[in-house]
C-alpha cells in the first residue's frame, strides 16, 4: 500500500533542518503512526460519500480496514468499515456498501480469516436494504456466511439463520432460506466452529452440537409459525427434539421437548390471552393510542393462533409426536394473596386445603408411581394444579410400589429457573409455593429430639404426624437451604417476564422472608438498576423499591454526615452517591 505524497508535504520536508530526521508522512490507511485512525472509516462513518470514493479510487485505500481496538477492560472493540456504512439510512447505506464491496470489502474478517459475526448481524438487521447487494457483489463470502459458520459462546450457539430467528427477524430468515441457508444443520467437517468459549474437557465441535437448537425449534419458541412451515417444506425434521441440556435455559414451557410440544404450549398460551389483563405504558394510558395498541395486539394474537393451528396440522400430518407424559393444563384460577403482609412459612389452613382438594376430583395414587422421573413429574404437576395432598405425599413420606422410594428432596428437583416452588408460583398457587418452601426447610433442618417446633407442626395433618415429619430430615438429608432454593429459582425474573405485579409482589416477599447477607443486598442493588436500564415495566421497579429499598436504601454506609447540613443519615437511609 503506497503512502499519500503531495508536493506541499515534500516542500515542507525540504525546508526542515537537516537534524530533524522524523518521518512526517501519513499513510492512506492511518492519519497517525501511533494510533490506527483510518481516513476511509471516518469518511464512511460521517457519510462523506465523495471523500470515501476519492480515498478508494485515487489513493487505493484498504476497503477491508478494521478500526478501533479490542480491549475488554475498556469496553472497546474493533469494527469493520462496512459496519460504519450499515449504520446509515437506506439512501446512503446502499451506495456506500456497494462502493466498498466493489473495491474489495467483504464479510470475511481479514484479521481472523473468518466471517465477522457482528458485521453479519448488522447486515441481517438491514435485511432488504443490503442483503441483495452482498449476495450479488460478495456472493462467495455471503454463501459461506449463511451456510458454514457456527458461533459458540457461553449460553449461546447460533448460525446465521438462528441469529435472525433469535433476533425476531422472520422476514430475514425466510430470505436466507431462499438464498440457500440450510433448514436443518448437520454437524460435520464442513462447518466452521467459531468458539469464544469451550467447556473444560470438550472439543468445540462437541460443545457446539450439544448447545445448538435446530432452526425449527427456535422458530417455534419465537412465535414464527410461517417460518416453521417454510422450514418443513424445505426438509426440516418435524420430530426435532431438545435435550435436557439444551432446554436448561428455557424460561417458559420447560417441560416441552419436541416441536409439537412447543406448538401446543404456544397455542394454549395464545388462546388464554385476555386483552383486559394488558397493562399499557404510563405515556399512553387513557389515550386513543392505548385502545389502538390493544386492538392491534388482539388482531395479531388471532392471526398467530390461525398460523399455529395450520402448523400443528402440518406437523401431525408429517408424523410429529408429543413427548410422553406432557401435561398441558389450562391456567388454574388465581389464588389472591394479601398484599403488604409479610409471607409466613406455614401450610394452608384446613379450609383452604379442603377447597384445593375439592377442585381436583381425580386424585393420583402416589403408591402406583413406578419411577423416580414419574414421581418428579407428578410433584411438578401437583404444584401446577394446586394439589397439596400429592405434594405432601411425595415429599413427606415414602411412595411408589411397596413404598420403595424415599421422600422427594425439594432441593434435588430444584435449581436455576426451575423446581416445584417456581412451578407453583407461576401457576399462581401461592399457598402451594409456601408449602414447598416449608417442606424444604423441614427436609434440611436438624431437629432435636422431642422439640416442639412450629416448622413441622404447621405441616401436621391426618396423614402426617409430627414425629413422621421430624424423621423426614434424617431420611432426605438435604444440604441445601430453603433460601437458596427460592433465590436460585429466579422467581422475580419469572414474574417480570410475565409482567404480573401480584406474582412479583409474592416473589419479593418470599425472598424477604429470609435473613439477608451483604451479597443479597448487592444483588438487589444490581437487580434494581437493571430494571431502571431496561425501563420496560416501571411498576416492577416501584414494587421492588417499595419492598426492598433497593437501589436507594443500600447504596451508602449506614451513617452519613453532611458538613454543610444538620441532616444525619439513619441506618438504611443513605444518599445517592456514585
Protein backbone atom coordinates (compact mmCIF):
# COMPACT_ATOMS: atom_id res chain seq x y z
CA UNK A 1 0.00 0.00 0.00
CA UNK A 2 1.56 3.33 -1.10
CA UNK A 3 1.66 6.39 1.14
CA UNK A 4 -0.09 9.65 0.29
CA UNK A 5 2.58 12.02 -1.05
CA UNK A 6 1.81 15.57 -2.09
CA UNK A 7 4.00 18.36 -3.43
CA UNK A 8 3.21 20.55 -0.42
CA UNK A 9 4.38 17.90 2.04
CA UNK A 10 7.61 17.48 0.03
CA UNK A 11 8.32 21.21 0.09
CA UNK A 12 7.74 21.32 3.85
CA UNK A 13 10.10 18.40 4.45
CA UNK A 14 12.83 20.02 2.33
CA UNK A 15 12.57 23.20 4.40
CA UNK A 16 13.14 21.36 7.69
CA UNK A 17 16.53 21.45 9.45
CA UNK A 18 18.81 18.61 8.44
CA UNK A 19 18.96 17.42 12.04
CA UNK A 20 15.22 16.67 12.13
CA UNK A 21 15.06 13.06 10.92
CA UNK A 22 11.35 12.47 11.85
CA UNK A 23 9.17 10.93 9.15
CA UNK A 24 6.11 13.16 8.87
CA UNK A 25 4.49 11.22 6.01
CA UNK A 26 0.96 9.89 6.58
CA UNK A 27 -0.26 6.57 5.19
CA UNK A 28 -3.57 6.47 3.36
CA UNK A 29 -4.90 3.95 5.87
CA UNK A 30 -3.89 5.84 9.02
CA UNK A 31 -3.73 9.52 9.94
CA UNK A 32 -1.04 8.88 12.56
CA UNK A 33 1.62 6.28 13.16
CA UNK A 34 0.81 5.89 16.85
CA UNK A 35 -2.94 5.33 16.52
CA UNK A 36 -4.70 3.48 13.71
CA UNK A 37 -7.10 6.21 12.58
CA UNK A 38 -8.42 5.32 9.13
CA UNK A 39 -9.49 8.27 6.93
CA UNK A 40 -11.74 5.89 4.99
CA UNK A 41 -13.51 4.72 8.16
CA UNK A 42 -14.03 8.34 9.25
CA UNK A 43 -15.39 9.33 5.84
CA UNK A 44 -17.80 6.38 5.77
CA UNK A 45 -18.91 6.92 9.38
CA UNK A 46 -19.67 10.58 8.62
CA UNK A 47 -21.42 9.67 5.34
CA UNK A 48 -18.96 11.65 3.18
CA UNK A 49 -19.54 9.54 0.07
CA UNK A 50 -17.38 11.69 -2.23
CA UNK A 51 -14.43 11.61 0.16
CA UNK A 52 -14.75 7.85 0.60
CA UNK A 53 -14.85 7.39 -3.17
CA UNK A 54 -11.72 9.52 -3.63
CA UNK A 55 -9.82 7.53 -0.99
CA UNK A 56 -10.80 4.25 -2.65
CA UNK A 57 -10.27 5.20 -6.30
CA UNK A 58 -7.47 7.79 -6.24
CA UNK A 59 -5.44 6.68 -3.22
CA UNK A 60 -6.36 2.96 -3.21
CA UNK A 61 -7.35 2.86 0.45
CA UNK A 62 -7.88 -0.57 2.02
CA UNK A 63 -11.62 -1.30 1.69
CA UNK A 64 -11.34 -4.02 4.35
CA UNK A 65 -9.96 -1.70 7.01
CA UNK A 66 -10.59 -2.56 10.66
CA UNK A 67 -10.89 0.39 13.04
CA UNK A 68 -10.74 0.59 16.82
CA UNK A 69 -9.07 -1.52 19.48
CA UNK A 70 -10.29 -4.73 21.06
CA UNK A 71 -9.92 -4.08 24.80
CA UNK A 72 -12.33 -5.85 27.15
CA UNK A 73 -11.18 -3.81 30.16
CA UNK A 74 -12.01 -0.53 28.45
CA UNK A 75 -15.14 -1.89 26.85
CA UNK A 76 -13.96 -1.21 23.29
CA UNK A 77 -13.90 -3.44 20.23
CA UNK A 78 -12.79 -3.38 16.63
CA UNK A 79 -15.22 -2.61 13.81
CA UNK A 80 -15.11 -3.24 10.06
CA UNK A 81 -15.62 -0.24 7.78
CA UNK A 82 -18.73 -1.98 6.42
CA UNK A 83 -20.25 -1.74 9.91
CA UNK A 84 -19.94 2.04 9.72
CA UNK A 85 -21.68 2.01 6.33
CA UNK A 86 -24.53 -0.14 7.65
CA UNK A 87 -25.41 2.45 10.31
CA UNK A 88 -26.75 4.97 7.78
CA UNK A 89 -30.25 5.35 6.27
CA UNK A 90 -31.06 3.34 3.15
CA UNK A 91 -30.30 6.11 0.61
CA UNK A 92 -26.75 6.48 1.97
CA UNK A 93 -26.17 2.91 3.15
CA UNK A 94 -26.73 1.21 -0.22
CA UNK A 95 -24.28 3.31 -2.30
CA UNK A 96 -21.63 3.13 0.44
CA UNK A 97 -21.90 -0.66 0.79
CA UNK A 98 -21.93 -1.10 -2.99
CA UNK A 99 -18.83 1.09 -3.40
CA UNK A 100 -16.91 -0.69 -0.63
CA UNK A 101 -17.75 -4.17 -1.97
CA UNK A 102 -16.73 -3.14 -5.49
CA UNK A 103 -13.32 -2.12 -4.13
CA UNK A 104 -12.64 -5.37 -2.28
CA UNK A 105 -14.52 -5.20 1.03
CA UNK A 106 -16.14 -8.45 2.18
CA UNK A 107 -17.95 -10.17 5.04
CA UNK A 108 -14.71 -12.05 5.74
CA UNK A 109 -12.75 -10.67 8.68
CA UNK A 110 -9.22 -10.28 7.22
CA UNK A 111 -7.53 -10.44 10.63
CA UNK A 112 -9.00 -13.83 11.59
CA UNK A 113 -9.97 -15.18 8.16
CA UNK A 114 -13.48 -15.88 9.46
CA UNK A 115 -16.89 -14.32 8.91
CA UNK A 116 -17.40 -11.45 11.33
CA UNK A 117 -20.48 -12.17 13.46
CA UNK A 118 -21.03 -8.51 14.38
CA UNK A 119 -20.89 -7.45 10.73
CA UNK A 120 -23.20 -10.28 9.62
CA UNK A 121 -25.70 -9.39 12.36
CA UNK A 122 -25.86 -5.77 11.16
CA UNK A 123 -26.36 -6.93 7.58
CA UNK A 124 -29.19 -9.24 8.69
CA UNK A 125 -30.87 -6.41 10.59
CA UNK A 126 -30.80 -4.21 7.48
CA UNK A 127 -32.48 -7.06 5.53
CA UNK A 128 -33.92 -5.71 2.27
CA UNK A 129 -31.60 -2.71 2.33
CA UNK A 130 -28.38 -4.64 1.74
CA UNK A 131 -28.76 -8.43 1.60
CA UNK A 132 -29.23 -8.39 -2.17
CA UNK A 133 -26.04 -6.32 -2.55
CA UNK A 134 -23.97 -8.79 -0.51
CA UNK A 135 -25.50 -11.72 -2.40
CA UNK A 136 -24.55 -10.12 -5.74
CA UNK A 137 -21.18 -8.45 -5.11
CA UNK A 138 -19.73 -10.69 -2.36
CA UNK A 139 -21.51 -13.90 -3.25
CA UNK A 140 -18.86 -16.42 -2.23
CA UNK A 141 -18.31 -14.98 1.24
CA UNK A 142 -22.05 -14.36 1.68
CA UNK A 143 -22.88 -18.01 0.90
CA UNK A 144 -20.14 -19.11 3.28
CA UNK A 145 -21.56 -16.85 5.99
CA UNK A 146 -25.08 -18.29 5.79
CA UNK A 147 -24.10 -21.96 5.46
CA UNK A 148 -20.89 -22.75 7.33
CA UNK A 149 -20.02 -20.73 10.47
CA UNK A 150 -21.46 -21.63 13.88
CA UNK A 151 -20.68 -19.18 16.66
CA UNK A 152 -20.38 -20.84 20.06
CA UNK A 153 -20.21 -18.78 23.23
CA UNK A 154 -21.31 -19.27 26.81
CA UNK A 155 -25.09 -19.96 26.84
CA UNK A 156 -25.29 -19.34 23.08
CA UNK A 157 -24.72 -21.39 19.94
CA UNK A 158 -26.03 -19.83 16.72
CA UNK A 159 -25.59 -19.84 12.97
CA UNK A 160 -26.75 -17.14 10.54
CA UNK A 161 -30.32 -18.47 10.30
CA UNK A 162 -30.81 -18.89 14.05
CA UNK A 163 -29.28 -15.44 14.68
CA UNK A 164 -32.06 -14.00 12.52
CA UNK A 165 -34.70 -16.09 14.32
CA UNK A 166 -33.39 -15.25 17.80
CA UNK A 167 -33.43 -11.54 16.86
CA UNK A 168 -37.07 -11.71 15.74
CA UNK A 169 -36.22 -11.17 12.05
CA UNK A 170 -38.70 -13.59 10.47
CA UNK A 171 -38.68 -11.98 7.02
CA UNK A 172 -34.88 -12.04 7.00
CA UNK A 173 -34.89 -15.72 7.99
CA UNK A 174 -37.28 -16.51 5.12
CA UNK A 175 -34.99 -14.64 2.74
CA UNK A 176 -31.92 -16.54 4.00
CA UNK A 177 -33.66 -19.84 3.23
CA UNK A 178 -34.26 -18.63 -0.34
CA UNK A 179 -30.57 -17.73 -0.65
CA UNK A 180 -29.58 -21.25 0.42
CA UNK A 181 -29.29 -21.33 4.22
CA UNK A 182 -29.75 -24.93 5.47
CA UNK A 183 -33.18 -25.56 7.09
CA UNK A 184 -31.56 -28.13 9.37
CA UNK A 185 -27.94 -28.15 10.49
CA UNK A 186 -25.92 -31.35 10.31
CA UNK A 187 -22.71 -31.17 12.31
CA UNK A 188 -19.95 -32.39 10.01
CA UNK A 189 -16.48 -31.40 8.85
CA UNK A 190 -17.79 -28.69 6.50
CA UNK A 191 -18.88 -26.46 9.40
CA UNK A 192 -16.62 -23.76 10.84
CA UNK A 193 -16.95 -23.58 14.63
CA UNK A 194 -16.03 -20.12 15.90
CA UNK A 195 -15.67 -20.73 19.63
CA UNK A 196 -15.39 -17.85 22.07
CA UNK A 197 -15.78 -20.28 24.97
CA UNK A 198 -15.26 -24.04 25.28
CA UNK A 199 -16.28 -26.10 28.35
CA UNK A 200 -13.46 -27.98 30.02
CA UNK A 201 -12.88 -31.42 28.55
CA UNK A 202 -14.89 -30.85 25.37
CA UNK A 203 -13.90 -30.09 21.83
CA UNK A 204 -15.52 -27.01 20.26
CA UNK A 205 -17.45 -29.22 17.81
CA UNK A 206 -18.90 -31.35 20.61
CA UNK A 207 -19.83 -28.36 22.76
CA UNK A 208 -21.47 -26.55 19.84
CA UNK A 209 -23.51 -29.62 18.88
CA UNK A 210 -24.69 -30.07 22.47
CA UNK A 211 -25.95 -26.47 22.70
CA UNK A 212 -27.32 -25.87 19.18
CA UNK A 213 -31.09 -25.53 18.73
CA UNK A 214 -32.29 -26.55 15.28
CA UNK A 215 -33.94 -23.63 13.42
CA UNK A 216 -37.43 -25.15 13.59
CA UNK A 217 -37.24 -25.38 17.40
CA UNK A 218 -36.14 -21.76 17.68
CA UNK A 219 -38.85 -20.67 15.25
CA UNK A 220 -41.48 -22.50 17.33
CA UNK A 221 -40.38 -20.83 20.56
CA UNK A 222 -40.06 -17.38 18.91
CA UNK A 223 -43.64 -17.47 17.56
CA UNK A 224 -42.78 -17.79 13.86
CA UNK A 225 -45.25 -20.40 12.53
CA UNK A 226 -44.98 -19.02 8.98
CA UNK A 227 -41.24 -19.71 9.04
CA UNK A 228 -41.86 -23.17 10.52
CA UNK A 229 -44.00 -24.18 7.55
CA UNK A 230 -41.29 -22.99 5.14
CA UNK A 231 -38.67 -24.94 7.10
CA UNK A 232 -40.81 -28.10 6.97
CA UNK A 233 -41.32 -27.66 3.22
CA UNK A 234 -37.54 -27.42 2.80
CA UNK A 235 -36.81 -30.62 4.72
CA UNK A 236 -36.59 -29.72 8.41
CA UNK A 237 -37.19 -32.65 10.78
CA UNK A 238 -40.75 -32.44 12.23
CA UNK A 239 -39.55 -34.52 15.20
CA UNK A 240 -36.56 -32.34 16.10
CA UNK A 241 -36.10 -32.62 19.86
CA UNK A 242 -34.41 -30.64 22.60
CA UNK A 243 -32.15 -32.49 25.00
CA UNK A 244 -32.29 -31.82 28.74
CA UNK A 245 -29.01 -29.93 28.36
CA UNK A 246 -30.34 -27.70 25.57
CA UNK A 247 -33.55 -26.93 27.45
CA UNK A 248 -31.88 -25.88 30.68
CA UNK A 249 -32.18 -22.15 29.97
CA UNK A 250 -35.85 -22.17 28.93
CA UNK A 251 -37.88 -19.70 30.98
CA UNK A 252 -41.25 -20.90 29.68
CA UNK A 253 -42.64 -24.28 28.64
CA UNK A 254 -39.74 -26.05 30.36
CA UNK A 255 -41.39 -29.46 30.00
CA UNK A 256 -41.60 -29.14 26.19
CA UNK A 257 -39.03 -31.06 24.19
CA UNK A 258 -40.38 -31.67 20.67
CA UNK A 259 -41.54 -29.17 18.06
CA UNK A 260 -45.15 -30.26 18.53
CA UNK A 261 -44.83 -29.81 22.32
CA UNK A 262 -43.86 -26.17 21.86
CA UNK A 263 -46.59 -25.54 19.27
CA UNK A 264 -49.29 -26.94 21.57
CA UNK A 265 -47.97 -24.92 24.52
CA UNK A 266 -47.93 -21.74 22.43
CA UNK A 267 -51.49 -22.37 21.24
CA UNK A 268 -52.67 -22.81 24.82
CA UNK A 269 -50.90 -19.62 25.85
CA UNK A 270 -52.34 -17.59 22.95
CA UNK A 271 -55.88 -18.90 23.43
CA UNK A 272 -55.79 -17.84 27.07
CA UNK A 273 -54.59 -14.33 26.30
CA UNK A 274 -57.01 -11.73 27.68
CA UNK A 275 -56.92 -8.14 26.49
CA UNK A 276 -58.36 -6.98 29.83
CA UNK A 277 -55.14 -8.09 31.52
CA UNK A 278 -52.95 -5.88 29.33
CA UNK A 279 -51.13 -3.10 31.20
CA UNK A 280 -50.41 -0.10 28.95
CA UNK A 281 -47.45 2.20 29.50
CA UNK A 282 -47.81 5.38 31.51
CA UNK A 283 -47.34 7.57 28.43
CA UNK A 284 -50.38 6.19 26.56
CA UNK A 285 -52.68 5.19 29.43
CA UNK A 286 -56.17 6.60 28.87
CA UNK A 287 -55.40 7.86 25.35
CA UNK A 288 -56.70 6.68 21.95
CA UNK A 289 -53.26 5.14 21.36
CA UNK A 290 -53.92 2.67 24.20
CA UNK A 291 -57.06 1.30 22.52
CA UNK A 292 -55.27 1.22 19.18
CA UNK A 293 -52.37 -0.82 20.54
CA UNK A 294 -54.61 -3.30 22.38
CA UNK A 295 -56.73 -3.80 19.25
CA UNK A 296 -53.57 -4.32 17.22
CA UNK A 297 -52.31 -6.94 19.65
CA UNK A 298 -55.70 -8.66 19.69
CA UNK A 299 -55.62 -8.97 15.90
CA UNK A 300 -52.01 -10.19 15.98
CA UNK A 301 -52.88 -12.88 18.55
CA UNK A 302 -55.83 -14.07 16.43
CA UNK A 303 -53.57 -14.26 13.37
CA UNK A 304 -50.90 -16.18 15.30
CA UNK A 305 -53.47 -18.70 16.51
CA UNK A 306 -54.55 -19.40 12.92
CA UNK A 307 -50.94 -19.81 11.78
CA UNK A 308 -50.04 -22.09 14.71
CA UNK A 309 -53.14 -24.22 14.05
CA UNK A 310 -52.05 -24.64 10.42
CA UNK A 311 -48.53 -25.53 11.59
CA UNK A 312 -49.89 -28.03 14.12
CA UNK A 313 -51.96 -29.74 11.41
CA UNK A 314 -48.92 -29.95 9.11
CA UNK A 315 -46.72 -31.38 11.87
CA UNK A 316 -49.30 -34.04 12.74
CA UNK A 317 -49.67 -34.98 9.06
CA UNK A 318 -45.87 -35.41 8.86
CA UNK A 319 -45.82 -37.76 11.86
CA UNK A 320 -44.65 -35.34 14.55
CA UNK A 321 -45.05 -36.63 18.10
CA UNK A 322 -45.78 -35.18 21.52
CA UNK A 323 -43.41 -36.05 24.38
CA UNK A 324 -44.52 -38.88 26.63
CA UNK A 325 -46.11 -37.55 29.79
CA UNK A 326 -46.52 -33.97 28.56
CA UNK A 327 -49.41 -32.48 30.51
CA UNK A 328 -50.51 -29.05 29.29
CA UNK A 329 -53.22 -27.74 31.59
CA UNK A 330 -55.46 -24.71 31.47
CA UNK A 331 -54.12 -22.00 33.80
CA UNK A 332 -55.55 -22.51 37.30
CA UNK A 333 -57.82 -19.95 38.91
CA UNK A 334 -55.60 -17.31 40.55
CA UNK A 335 -55.35 -17.53 44.32
CA UNK A 336 -55.10 -13.96 45.64
CA UNK A 337 -52.53 -13.14 48.27
CA UNK A 338 -52.84 -10.50 50.92
CA UNK A 339 -50.64 -7.57 49.88
CA UNK A 340 -48.50 -5.61 52.31
CA UNK A 341 -48.32 -8.56 54.69
CA UNK A 342 -45.14 -10.49 55.35
CA UNK A 343 -45.05 -14.02 53.99
CA UNK A 344 -45.24 -16.70 56.68
CA UNK A 345 -43.73 -20.15 56.24
CA UNK A 346 -46.82 -22.10 57.19
CA UNK A 347 -49.07 -24.60 55.48
CA UNK A 348 -52.55 -23.58 54.26
CA UNK A 349 -55.25 -23.79 56.90
CA UNK A 350 -57.70 -26.68 56.80
CA UNK A 351 -60.44 -24.79 54.94
CA UNK A 352 -58.01 -23.72 52.20
CA UNK A 353 -56.67 -27.26 51.90
CA UNK A 354 -60.20 -28.67 51.60
CA UNK A 355 -61.03 -26.13 48.89
CA UNK A 356 -57.96 -27.10 46.92
CA UNK A 357 -58.77 -30.79 47.28
CA UNK A 358 -62.34 -30.30 46.07
CA UNK A 359 -61.08 -28.61 42.90
CA UNK A 360 -59.41 -31.87 41.78
CA UNK A 361 -61.65 -34.90 41.98
CA UNK A 362 -59.27 -37.27 40.17
CA UNK A 363 -56.60 -37.93 42.77
CA UNK A 364 -53.35 -39.56 41.73
CA UNK A 365 -52.42 -42.69 43.69
CA UNK A 366 -48.82 -42.00 44.72
CA UNK A 367 -48.37 -45.69 45.60
CA UNK A 368 -48.64 -46.61 41.91
CA UNK A 369 -45.97 -44.26 40.55
CA UNK A 370 -43.30 -46.61 39.23
CA UNK A 371 -40.18 -44.50 38.54
CA UNK A 372 -38.32 -41.60 40.13
CA UNK A 373 -38.79 -39.49 37.00
CA UNK A 374 -42.54 -40.10 37.08
CA UNK A 375 -42.54 -39.06 40.73
CA UNK A 376 -40.73 -35.84 39.94
CA UNK A 377 -43.17 -35.07 37.13
CA UNK A 378 -46.12 -35.85 39.41
CA UNK A 379 -44.75 -33.43 42.00
CA UNK A 380 -44.43 -30.64 39.43
CA UNK A 381 -47.94 -31.40 38.13
CA UNK A 382 -49.32 -31.23 41.67
CA UNK A 383 -47.65 -27.85 42.19
CA UNK A 384 -49.08 -26.65 38.91
CA UNK A 385 -52.60 -27.88 39.75
CA UNK A 386 -52.58 -26.80 43.40
CA UNK A 387 -52.84 -30.33 44.81
CA UNK A 388 -51.44 -30.06 48.35
CA UNK A 389 -52.23 -33.71 49.15
CA UNK A 390 -49.93 -35.09 46.45
CA UNK A 391 -47.21 -32.52 47.21
CA UNK A 392 -47.09 -33.69 50.84
CA UNK A 393 -47.40 -37.36 49.95
CA UNK A 394 -44.37 -37.26 47.67
CA UNK A 395 -42.14 -35.12 49.91
CA UNK A 396 -43.06 -36.09 53.48
CA UNK A 397 -43.34 -39.88 53.19
CA UNK A 398 -42.21 -42.84 51.13
CA UNK A 399 -44.05 -43.54 47.88
CA UNK A 400 -44.20 -45.87 44.86
CA UNK A 401 -44.89 -49.63 44.69
CA UNK A 402 -44.26 -51.15 48.13
CA UNK A 403 -43.23 -47.62 49.19
CA UNK A 404 -39.75 -48.24 47.79
CA UNK A 405 -38.88 -44.60 47.06
CA UNK A 406 -37.82 -42.16 49.81
CA UNK A 407 -39.42 -38.70 50.10
CA UNK A 408 -38.50 -36.50 47.15
CA UNK A 409 -35.94 -33.88 48.10
CA UNK A 410 -37.18 -30.41 47.12
CA UNK A 411 -33.57 -29.34 46.58
CA UNK A 412 -32.95 -32.35 44.34
CA UNK A 413 -35.56 -31.26 41.80
CA UNK A 414 -34.86 -27.53 42.09
CA UNK A 415 -32.20 -25.34 40.54
CA UNK A 416 -31.70 -22.29 38.40
CA UNK A 417 -35.06 -21.21 36.94
CA UNK A 418 -36.78 -24.50 37.74
CA UNK A 419 -38.32 -26.51 40.54
CA UNK A 420 -41.60 -27.07 42.44
CA UNK A 421 -41.53 -23.62 44.08
CA UNK A 422 -41.25 -21.78 40.76
CA UNK A 423 -43.84 -24.05 39.11
CA UNK A 424 -46.38 -23.36 41.86
CA UNK A 425 -45.69 -19.63 41.79
CA UNK A 426 -46.01 -19.35 38.00
CA UNK A 427 -49.36 -21.17 38.27
CA UNK A 428 -50.36 -18.64 40.95
CA UNK A 429 -50.76 -21.40 43.55
CA UNK A 430 -49.07 -19.24 46.16
CA UNK A 431 -50.09 -21.36 49.17
CA UNK A 432 -48.59 -24.42 47.49
CA UNK A 433 -45.41 -22.43 46.88
CA UNK A 434 -45.28 -21.55 50.60
CA UNK A 435 -45.82 -25.20 51.49
CA UNK A 436 -42.95 -26.25 49.20
CA UNK A 437 -40.60 -23.78 50.92
CA UNK A 438 -41.83 -25.00 54.30
CA UNK A 439 -41.15 -28.63 53.35
CA UNK A 440 -37.69 -27.72 52.01
CA UNK A 441 -36.93 -26.13 55.38
CA UNK A 442 -38.05 -29.27 57.25
CA UNK A 443 -36.01 -31.51 54.91
CA UNK A 444 -32.87 -29.51 55.60
CA UNK A 445 -33.29 -28.68 59.29
CA UNK A 446 -31.79 -30.88 62.02
CA UNK A 447 -34.48 -31.16 64.67
CA UNK A 448 -33.65 -32.03 68.26
CA UNK A 449 -35.41 -34.91 70.00
CA UNK A 450 -38.88 -34.07 71.38
CA UNK A 451 -38.52 -30.44 70.30
CA UNK A 452 -41.91 -28.85 69.64
CA UNK A 453 -41.05 -26.89 66.54
CA UNK A 454 -43.61 -24.80 64.66
CA UNK A 455 -41.85 -25.66 61.40
CA UNK A 456 -43.08 -29.25 61.36
CA UNK A 457 -46.20 -28.70 63.50
CA UNK A 458 -47.53 -26.47 60.71
CA UNK A 459 -47.42 -29.42 58.30
CA UNK A 460 -49.22 -31.90 60.56
CA UNK A 461 -52.45 -33.37 59.17
CA UNK A 462 -54.36 -36.66 59.26
CA UNK A 463 -51.74 -38.43 57.13
CA UNK A 464 -48.59 -36.88 58.61
CA UNK A 465 -47.81 -36.79 62.31
CA UNK A 466 -45.28 -34.52 63.96
CA UNK A 467 -42.98 -37.49 64.56
CA UNK A 468 -43.07 -38.67 60.94
CA UNK A 469 -42.38 -35.16 59.67
CA UNK A 470 -39.50 -34.84 62.12
CA UNK A 471 -37.98 -38.02 60.66
CA UNK A 472 -38.04 -36.64 57.10
CA UNK A 473 -34.92 -34.52 57.52
CA UNK A 474 -32.96 -37.56 58.62
CA UNK A 475 -34.12 -39.59 55.63
CA UNK A 476 -33.74 -36.88 52.97
CA UNK A 477 -30.57 -35.29 54.42
CA UNK A 478 -30.79 -32.20 52.25
CA UNK A 479 -27.80 -29.84 52.48
CA UNK A 480 -29.45 -27.02 50.52
CA UNK A 481 -31.30 -24.30 52.40
CA UNK A 482 -34.80 -23.17 51.51
CA UNK A 483 -33.37 -19.69 50.98
CA UNK A 484 -31.05 -20.94 48.24
CA UNK A 485 -33.91 -22.81 46.57
CA UNK A 486 -36.05 -19.65 46.48
CA UNK A 487 -33.23 -17.37 45.32
CA UNK A 488 -31.96 -19.80 42.64
CA UNK A 489 -35.46 -20.25 41.21
CA UNK A 490 -35.33 -16.78 39.63
CA UNK A 491 -38.89 -16.12 40.79
CA UNK A 492 -38.57 -12.34 40.45
CA UNK A 493 -37.32 -12.69 36.86
CA UNK A 494 -40.19 -15.07 36.05
CA UNK A 495 -42.74 -12.57 37.38
CA UNK A 496 -41.09 -9.77 35.39
CA UNK A 497 -41.21 -11.94 32.29
CA UNK A 498 -44.98 -12.28 32.68
CA UNK A 499 -45.35 -8.64 33.81
CA UNK A 500 -47.56 -9.82 36.69
CA UNK A 501 -47.48 -7.37 39.62
CA UNK A 502 -49.21 -9.78 42.01
CA UNK A 503 -46.72 -12.53 41.21
CA UNK A 504 -43.77 -10.15 41.52
CA UNK A 505 -45.00 -8.96 44.91
CA UNK A 506 -45.23 -12.56 46.10
CA UNK A 507 -41.74 -13.39 44.80
CA UNK A 508 -40.21 -10.34 46.50
CA UNK A 509 -41.94 -11.08 49.80
CA UNK A 510 -40.82 -14.71 49.73
CA UNK A 511 -37.21 -13.59 49.26
CA UNK A 512 -37.66 -11.02 52.03
CA UNK A 513 -38.80 -13.69 54.50
CA UNK A 514 -35.19 -14.90 54.85
CA UNK A 515 -32.29 -13.24 56.66
CA UNK A 516 -30.24 -11.17 54.23
CA UNK A 517 -26.47 -11.10 53.78
CA UNK A 518 -24.29 -8.47 52.08
CA UNK A 519 -24.25 -10.47 48.84
CA UNK A 520 -28.05 -10.40 48.84
CA UNK A 521 -28.03 -6.61 49.20
CA UNK A 522 -25.53 -6.29 46.35
CA UNK A 523 -27.71 -8.50 44.18
CA UNK A 524 -30.77 -6.40 44.97
CA UNK A 525 -28.97 -3.20 44.02
CA UNK A 526 -27.85 -4.70 40.71
CA UNK A 527 -31.33 -6.05 40.02
CA UNK A 528 -32.94 -2.66 40.72
CA UNK A 529 -30.56 -0.82 38.41
CA UNK A 530 -31.19 -3.43 35.71
CA UNK A 531 -34.91 -2.63 35.96
CA UNK A 532 -34.08 1.05 35.52
CA UNK A 533 -31.87 0.39 32.49
CA UNK A 534 -34.49 -1.75 30.77
CA UNK A 535 -37.27 0.68 31.62
CA UNK A 536 -39.93 -1.52 30.04
CA UNK A 537 -42.01 -2.07 33.20
CA UNK A 538 -41.99 0.85 35.69
CA UNK A 539 -44.43 -0.94 38.02
CA UNK A 540 -41.80 -3.62 38.69
CA UNK A 541 -39.27 -1.01 39.81
CA UNK A 542 -41.89 0.59 42.06
CA UNK A 543 -42.72 -2.73 43.72
CA UNK A 544 -39.07 -3.67 44.10
CA UNK A 545 -38.15 -0.31 45.63
CA UNK A 546 -41.18 -0.33 47.92
CA UNK A 547 -40.41 -3.80 49.27
CA UNK A 548 -36.61 -3.82 49.44
CA UNK A 549 -35.43 -0.20 49.42
CA UNK A 550 -33.02 -1.01 46.60
CA UNK A 551 -31.25 0.70 44.96
CA UNK A 552 -31.59 3.71 47.28
CA UNK A 553 -31.56 2.09 50.72
CA UNK A 554 -28.30 0.16 50.47
CA UNK A 555 -26.09 2.39 48.33
CA UNK A 556 -24.18 4.10 51.14
CA UNK A 557 -22.89 3.11 54.59
CA UNK A 558 -25.46 3.25 57.43
CA UNK A 559 -24.40 6.64 58.83
CA UNK A 560 -23.66 9.61 56.59
CA UNK A 561 -22.90 13.09 57.98
CA UNK A 562 -23.13 16.23 55.90
CA UNK A 563 -20.70 19.01 56.81
CA UNK A 564 -22.94 21.76 55.46
CA UNK A 565 -26.19 20.41 56.85
CA UNK A 566 -27.72 19.27 60.10
CA UNK A 567 -29.08 16.15 58.41
CA UNK A 568 -27.65 12.90 59.71
CA UNK A 569 -28.30 9.70 57.78
CA UNK A 570 -30.03 6.93 59.65
CA UNK A 571 -29.40 3.25 59.06
CA UNK A 572 -30.84 2.30 55.70
CA UNK A 573 -31.27 5.90 54.54
CA UNK A 574 -28.13 6.69 52.56
CA UNK A 575 -27.64 9.11 49.74
CA UNK A 576 -27.30 8.53 46.02
CA UNK A 577 -23.53 8.79 45.87
CA UNK A 578 -21.67 7.21 42.96
